[in-house]
Amino acid sequence: MASIAAVLHDTALEPSALELEITETAVMDRSEAGMRALADLRALGVRLVLDDFGTGYSSLSYLRRLPLDTIKIDRSFVAGLDDDNSNLPIVEAVIALAHALGMEVVAEGIETVAQLTRLRGLACDRGQGYYYARPQPPEALAALLAGGSAPLR
């Protein structure tokens, strides 16, 4: 925590420009030290993102107490949105839950126009995946990153 605060100070980076992704498995350990660390990071203004939501053993009551800004829906749920819609109820529920808790939602693994269209219709906030860009060589990243994350609206 102190090292993150020091880096923010040394680089003059606005804390809200830093998003730290935490896996569902790591955050669900329920330790007091872990909860304190998350609260301290959030107090600094750092944005906290829960990655791969839905792939672990999350507790909804615990999720409600976490100081999170964003939930990322795992690509395995996005994959079924354009063919058989088998994951539609799950994706719909995660988006509604996150919004009800005051969090944004990022859909991972968007690869098709159909997936993008469905997620827009569900009011998903942001997306990432091959639809937007394939992996890039380091020299091409500056231009890609200058565009920011992809809004779905």
C-alpha atoms as a PDB file:
ATOM      1  CA  MET A   1       0.000   0.000   0.000  1.00  0.00           C
ATOM      2  CA  ALA A   2       2.776   2.421   0.936  1.00  0.00           C
ATOM      3  CA  SER A   3       4.644   1.596  -2.258  1.00  0.00           C
ATOM      4  CA  ILE A   4       1.574   2.353  -4.377  1.00  0.00           C
ATOM      5  CA  ALA A   5       1.118   5.678  -2.601  1.00  0.00           C
ATOM      6  CA  ALA A   6       4.792   6.473  -3.188  1.00  0.00           C
ATOM      7  CA  VAL A   7       4.580   5.640  -6.889  1.00  0.00           C
ATOM      8  CA  LEU A   8       1.463   7.770  -7.260  1.00  0.00           C
ATOM      9  CA  HIS A   9       3.270  10.645  -5.567  1.00  0.00           C
ATOM     10  CA  ASP A  10       6.514  10.230  -7.531  1.00  0.00           C
ATOM     11  CA  THR A  11       4.793  10.002 -10.904  1.00  0.00           C
ATOM     12  CA  ALA A  12       2.082  12.592 -10.149  1.00  0.00           C
ATOM     13  CA  LEU A  13      -0.416  10.085 -11.510  1.00  0.00           C
ATOM     14  CA  GLU A  14      -3.996  10.862 -10.582  1.00  0.00           C
ATOM     15  CA  PRO A  15      -5.025   7.949  -8.301  1.00  0.00           C
ATOM     16  CA  SER A  16      -8.308   7.459 -10.158  1.00  0.00           C
ATOM     17  CA  ALA A  17      -6.294   6.756 -13.330  1.00  0.00           C
ATOM     18  CA  LEU A  18      -4.916   3.601 -11.708  1.00  0.00           C
ATOM     19  CA  GLU A  19      -7.105   0.510 -11.796  1.00  0.00           C
ATOM     20  CA  LEU A  20      -5.898  -2.517  -9.884  1.00  0.00           C
ATOM     21  CA  GLU A  21      -7.396  -5.825 -10.930  1.00  0.00           C
ATOM     22  CA  ILE A  22      -7.926  -8.424  -8.248  1.00  0.00           C
ATOM     23  CA  THR A  23      -9.016 -11.952  -9.053  1.00  0.00           C
ATOM     24  CA  GLU A  24     -12.171 -13.269  -7.486  1.00  0.00           C
ATOM     25  CA  THR A  25     -10.230 -16.077  -5.813  1.00  0.00           C
ATOM     26  CA  ALA A  26      -7.740 -13.673  -4.209  1.00  0.00           C
ATOM     27  CA  VAL A  27     -10.353 -11.261  -2.865  1.00  0.00           C
ATOM     28  CA  MET A  28     -12.651 -13.898  -1.456  1.00  0.00           C
ATOM     29  CA  ASP A  29     -10.157 -14.996   1.216  1.00  0.00           C
ATOM     30  CA  ARG A  30     -12.134 -12.836   3.680  1.00  0.00           C
ATOM     31  CA  SER A  31      -9.073 -11.798   5.705  1.00  0.00           C
ATOM     32  CA  GLU A  32      -9.264  -8.601   7.709  1.00  0.00           C
ATOM     33  CA  ALA A  33      -5.826  -7.551   6.447  1.00  0.00           C
ATOM     34  CA  GLY A  34      -6.991  -7.969   2.859  1.00  0.00           C
ATOM     35  CA  MET A  35     -10.143  -5.948   3.470  1.00  0.00           C
ATOM     36  CA  ARG A  36      -8.104  -3.204   5.150  1.00  0.00           C
ATOM     37  CA  ALA A  37      -5.666  -3.091   2.228  1.00  0.00           C
ATOM     38  CA  LEU A  38      -8.528  -2.741  -0.253  1.00  0.00           C
ATOM     39  CA  ALA A  39     -10.148  -0.013   1.829  1.00  0.00           C
ATOM     40  CA  ASP A  40      -6.812   1.831   2.076  1.00  0.00           C
ATOM     41  CA  LEU A  41      -6.294   1.662  -1.684  1.00  0.00           C
ATOM     42  CA  ARG A  42      -9.809   2.914  -2.289  1.00  0.00           C
ATOM     43  CA  ALA A  43      -9.216   5.755   0.207  1.00  0.00           C
ATOM     44  CA  LEU A  44      -6.210   6.794  -1.901  1.00  0.00           C
ATOM     45  CA  GLY A  45      -8.554   7.076  -4.870  1.00  0.00           C
ATOM     46  CA  VAL A  46      -7.287   3.980  -6.684  1.00  0.00           C
ATOM     47  CA  ARG A  47      -9.999   2.140  -8.613  1.00  0.00           C
ATOM     48  CA  LEU A  48     -10.481  -1.531  -7.712  1.00  0.00           C
ATOM     49  CA  VAL A  49     -11.634  -4.064 -10.283  1.00  0.00           C
ATOM     50  CA  LEU A  50     -12.807  -7.609  -9.591  1.00  0.00           C
ATOM     51  CA  ASP A  51     -11.503  -9.731 -12.479  1.00  0.00           C
ATOM     52  CA  ASP A  52     -13.002 -12.951 -13.860  1.00  0.00           C
ATOM     53  CA  PHE A  53     -16.250 -12.569 -11.932  1.00  0.00           C
ATOM     54  CA  GLY A  54     -18.323 -15.710 -11.932  1.00  0.00           C
ATOM     55  CA  THR A  55     -15.482 -18.207 -12.249  1.00  0.00           C
ATOM     56  CA  GLY A  56     -14.768 -18.638  -8.543  1.00  0.00           C
ATOM     57  CA  TYR A  57     -16.782 -19.090  -5.383  1.00  0.00           C
ATOM     58  CA  SER A  58     -18.066 -15.616  -4.738  1.00  0.00           C
ATOM     59  CA  SER A  59     -20.429 -14.842  -1.925  1.00  0.00           C
ATOM     60  CA  LEU A  60     -22.977 -12.178  -2.758  1.00  0.00           C
ATOM     61  CA  SER A  61     -23.043 -10.883   0.810  1.00  0.00           C
ATOM     62  CA  TYR A  62     -19.258 -10.553   0.775  1.00  0.00           C
ATOM     63  CA  LEU A  63     -19.291  -8.924  -2.652  1.00  0.00           C
ATOM     64  CA  ARG A  64     -21.612  -6.259  -1.298  1.00  0.00           C
ATOM     65  CA  ARG A  65     -19.064  -5.285   1.366  1.00  0.00           C
ATOM     66  CA  LEU A  66     -16.028  -5.068  -0.933  1.00  0.00           C
ATOM     67  CA  PRO A  67     -14.866  -1.559  -1.882  1.00  0.00           C
ATOM     68  CA  LEU A  68     -14.985  -2.261  -5.627  1.00  0.00           C
ATOM     69  CA  ASP A  69     -15.518   0.082  -8.542  1.00  0.00           C
ATOM     70  CA  THR A  70     -15.835  -2.436 -11.346  1.00  0.00           C
ATOM     71  CA  ILE A  71     -16.679  -6.076 -11.997  1.00  0.00           C
ATOM     72  CA  LYS A  72     -15.280  -7.820 -15.067  1.00  0.00           C
ATOM     73  CA  ILE A  73     -17.459 -10.553 -16.530  1.00  0.00           C
ATOM     74  CA  ASP A  74     -15.307 -13.484 -17.553  1.00  0.00           C
ATOM     75  CA  ARG A  75     -14.990 -14.221 -21.271  1.00  0.00           C
ATOM     76  CA  SER A  76     -16.485 -17.685 -20.781  1.00  0.00           C
ATOM     77  CA  PHE A  77     -19.867 -16.017 -20.155  1.00  0.00           C
ATOM     78  CA  VAL A  78     -19.552 -13.547 -23.049  1.00  0.00           C
ATOM     79  CA  ALA A  79     -18.745 -16.369 -25.489  1.00  0.00           C
ATOM     80  CA  GLY A  80     -22.293 -17.758 -25.446  1.00  0.00           C
ATOM     81  CA  LEU A  81     -24.049 -14.487 -26.218  1.00  0.00           C
ATOM     82  CA  ASP A  82     -24.063 -14.709 -29.996  1.00  0.00           C
ATOM     83  CA  ASP A  83     -24.874 -18.325 -30.705  1.00  0.00           C
ATOM     84  CA  ASP A  84     -27.086 -20.155 -28.224  1.00  0.00           C
ATOM     85  CA  ASN A  85     -27.630 -17.398 -25.627  1.00  0.00           C
ATOM     86  CA  SER A  86     -27.045 -19.973 -22.896  1.00  0.00           C
ATOM     87  CA  ASN A  87     -25.137 -17.440 -20.808  1.00  0.00           C
ATOM     88  CA  LEU A  88     -27.579 -14.584 -21.310  1.00  0.00           C
ATOM     89  CA  PRO A  89     -29.359 -14.936 -17.929  1.00  0.00           C
ATOM     90  CA  ILE A  90     -26.019 -14.973 -16.083  1.00  0.00           C
ATOM     91  CA  VAL A  91     -24.618 -11.951 -17.910  1.00  0.00           C
ATOM     92  CA  GLU A  92     -27.892 -10.078 -17.466  1.00  0.00           C
ATOM     93  CA  ALA A  93     -27.913 -10.830 -13.728  1.00  0.00           C
ATOM     94  CA  VAL A  94     -24.272  -9.848 -13.183  1.00  0.00           C
ATOM     95  CA  ILE A  95     -24.782  -6.511 -14.946  1.00  0.00           C
ATOM     96  CA  ALA A  96     -27.943  -5.786 -12.940  1.00  0.00           C
ATOM     97  CA  LEU A  97     -26.255  -6.793  -9.664  1.00  0.00           C
ATOM     98  CA  ALA A  98     -23.175  -4.678 -10.312  1.00  0.00           C
ATOM     99  CA  HIS A  99     -25.218  -1.632 -11.277  1.00  0.00           C
ATOM    100  CA  ALA A 100     -27.449  -2.045  -8.219  1.00  0.00           C
ATOM    101  CA  LEU A 101     -24.279  -2.041  -6.076  1.00  0.00           C
ATOM    102  CA  GLY A 102     -23.010   1.117  -7.803  1.00  0.00           C
ATOM    103  CA  MET A 103     -20.310  -0.628  -9.821  1.00  0.00           C
ATOM    104  CA  GLU A 104     -19.380  -0.509 -13.484  1.00  0.00           C
ATOM    105  CA  VAL A 105     -19.200  -3.643 -15.612  1.00  0.00           C
ATOM    106  CA  VAL A 106     -16.552  -4.652 -18.144  1.00  0.00           C
ATOM    107  CA  ALA A 107     -17.236  -7.599 -20.437  1.00  0.00           C
ATOM    108  CA  GLU A 108     -14.098  -9.567 -21.314  1.00  0.00           C
ATOM    109  CA  GLY A 109     -13.544 -11.497 -24.520  1.00  0.00           C
ATOM    110  CA  ILE A 110     -15.797  -9.623 -26.945  1.00  0.00           C
ATOM    111  CA  GLU A 111     -15.053 -11.088 -30.360  1.00  0.00           C
ATOM    112  CA  THR A 112     -18.130 -10.454 -32.519  1.00  0.00           C
ATOM    113  CA  VAL A 113     -20.559  -7.715 -33.451  1.00  0.00           C
ATOM    114  CA  ALA A 114     -23.383  -9.886 -32.100  1.00  0.00           C
ATOM    115  CA  GLN A 115     -21.749 -10.061 -28.651  1.00  0.00           C
ATOM    116  CA  LEU A 116     -21.141  -6.307 -28.674  1.00  0.00           C
ATOM    117  CA  THR A 117     -24.729  -5.597 -29.707  1.00  0.00           C
ATOM    118  CA  ARG A 118     -26.138  -7.873 -27.014  1.00  0.00           C
ATOM    119  CA  LEU A 119     -23.932  -6.302 -24.314  1.00  0.00           C
ATOM    120  CA  ARG A 120     -24.935  -2.803 -25.389  1.00  0.00           C
ATOM    121  CA  GLY A 121     -28.572  -3.856 -25.079  1.00  0.00           C
ATOM    122  CA  LEU A 122     -27.878  -5.081 -21.548  1.00  0.00           C
ATOM    123  CA  ALA A 123     -26.324  -1.701 -20.586  1.00  0.00           C
ATOM    124  CA  CYS A 124     -22.838  -3.121 -20.049  1.00  0.00           C
ATOM    125  CA  ASP A 125     -20.476  -0.188 -19.422  1.00  0.00           C
ATOM    126  CA  ARG A 126     -17.244  -1.235 -21.134  1.00  0.00           C
ATOM    127  CA  GLY A 127     -15.754  -4.079 -23.094  1.00  0.00           C
ATOM    128  CA  GLN A 128     -12.496  -5.595 -24.167  1.00  0.00           C
ATOM    129  CA  GLY A 129     -11.481  -8.348 -26.522  1.00  0.00           C
ATOM    130  CA  TYR A 130     -10.314  -9.251 -30.009  1.00  0.00           C
ATOM    131  CA  TYR A 131     -13.234  -7.364 -31.544  1.00  0.00           C
ATOM    132  CA  TYR A 132     -11.432  -4.149 -30.575  1.00  0.00           C
ATOM    133  CA  ALA A 133      -7.835  -5.231 -31.096  1.00  0.00           C
ATOM    134  CA  ARG A 134      -5.594  -8.269 -31.296  1.00  0.00           C
ATOM    135  CA  PRO A 135      -2.391  -8.432 -29.245  1.00  0.00           C
ATOM    136  CA  GLN A 136       0.012  -5.740 -30.431  1.00  0.00           C
ATOM    137  CA  PRO A 137       3.789  -5.335 -30.556  1.00  0.00           C
ATOM    138  CA  PRO A 138       5.171  -2.869 -27.982  1.00  0.00           C
ATOM    139  CA  GLU A 139       5.746  -0.106 -30.541  1.00  0.00           C
ATOM    140  CA  ALA A 140       2.048  -0.130 -31.501  1.00  0.00           C
ATOM    141  CA  LEU A 141       0.717   0.052 -27.940  1.00  0.00           C
ATOM    142  CA  ALA A 142       1.067   3.813 -27.413  1.00  0.00           C
ATOM    143  CA  ALA A 143      -1.514   4.613 -30.078  1.00  0.00           C
ATOM    144  CA  LEU A 144      -3.827   1.852 -28.898  1.00  0.00           C
ATOM    145  CA  LEU A 145      -3.647   2.913 -25.251  1.00  0.00           C
ATOM    146  CA  ALA A 146      -4.233   6.555 -26.109  1.00  0.00           C
ATOM    147  CA  GLY A 147      -7.771   5.566 -27.117  1.00  0.00           C
ATOM    148  CA  GLY A 148      -8.669   4.401 -23.580  1.00  0.00           C
ATOM    149  CA  SER A 149     -11.022   1.557 -22.744  1.00  0.00           C
ATOM    150  CA  ALA A 150     -13.885   0.809 -25.059  1.00  0.00           C
ATOM    151  CA  PRO A 151     -17.284   2.146 -23.972  1.00  0.00           C
ATOM    152  CA  LEU A 152     -20.209   0.050 -25.053  1.00  0.00           C
ATOM    153  CA  ARG A 153     -22.761   2.830 -25.261  1.00  0.00           C
END
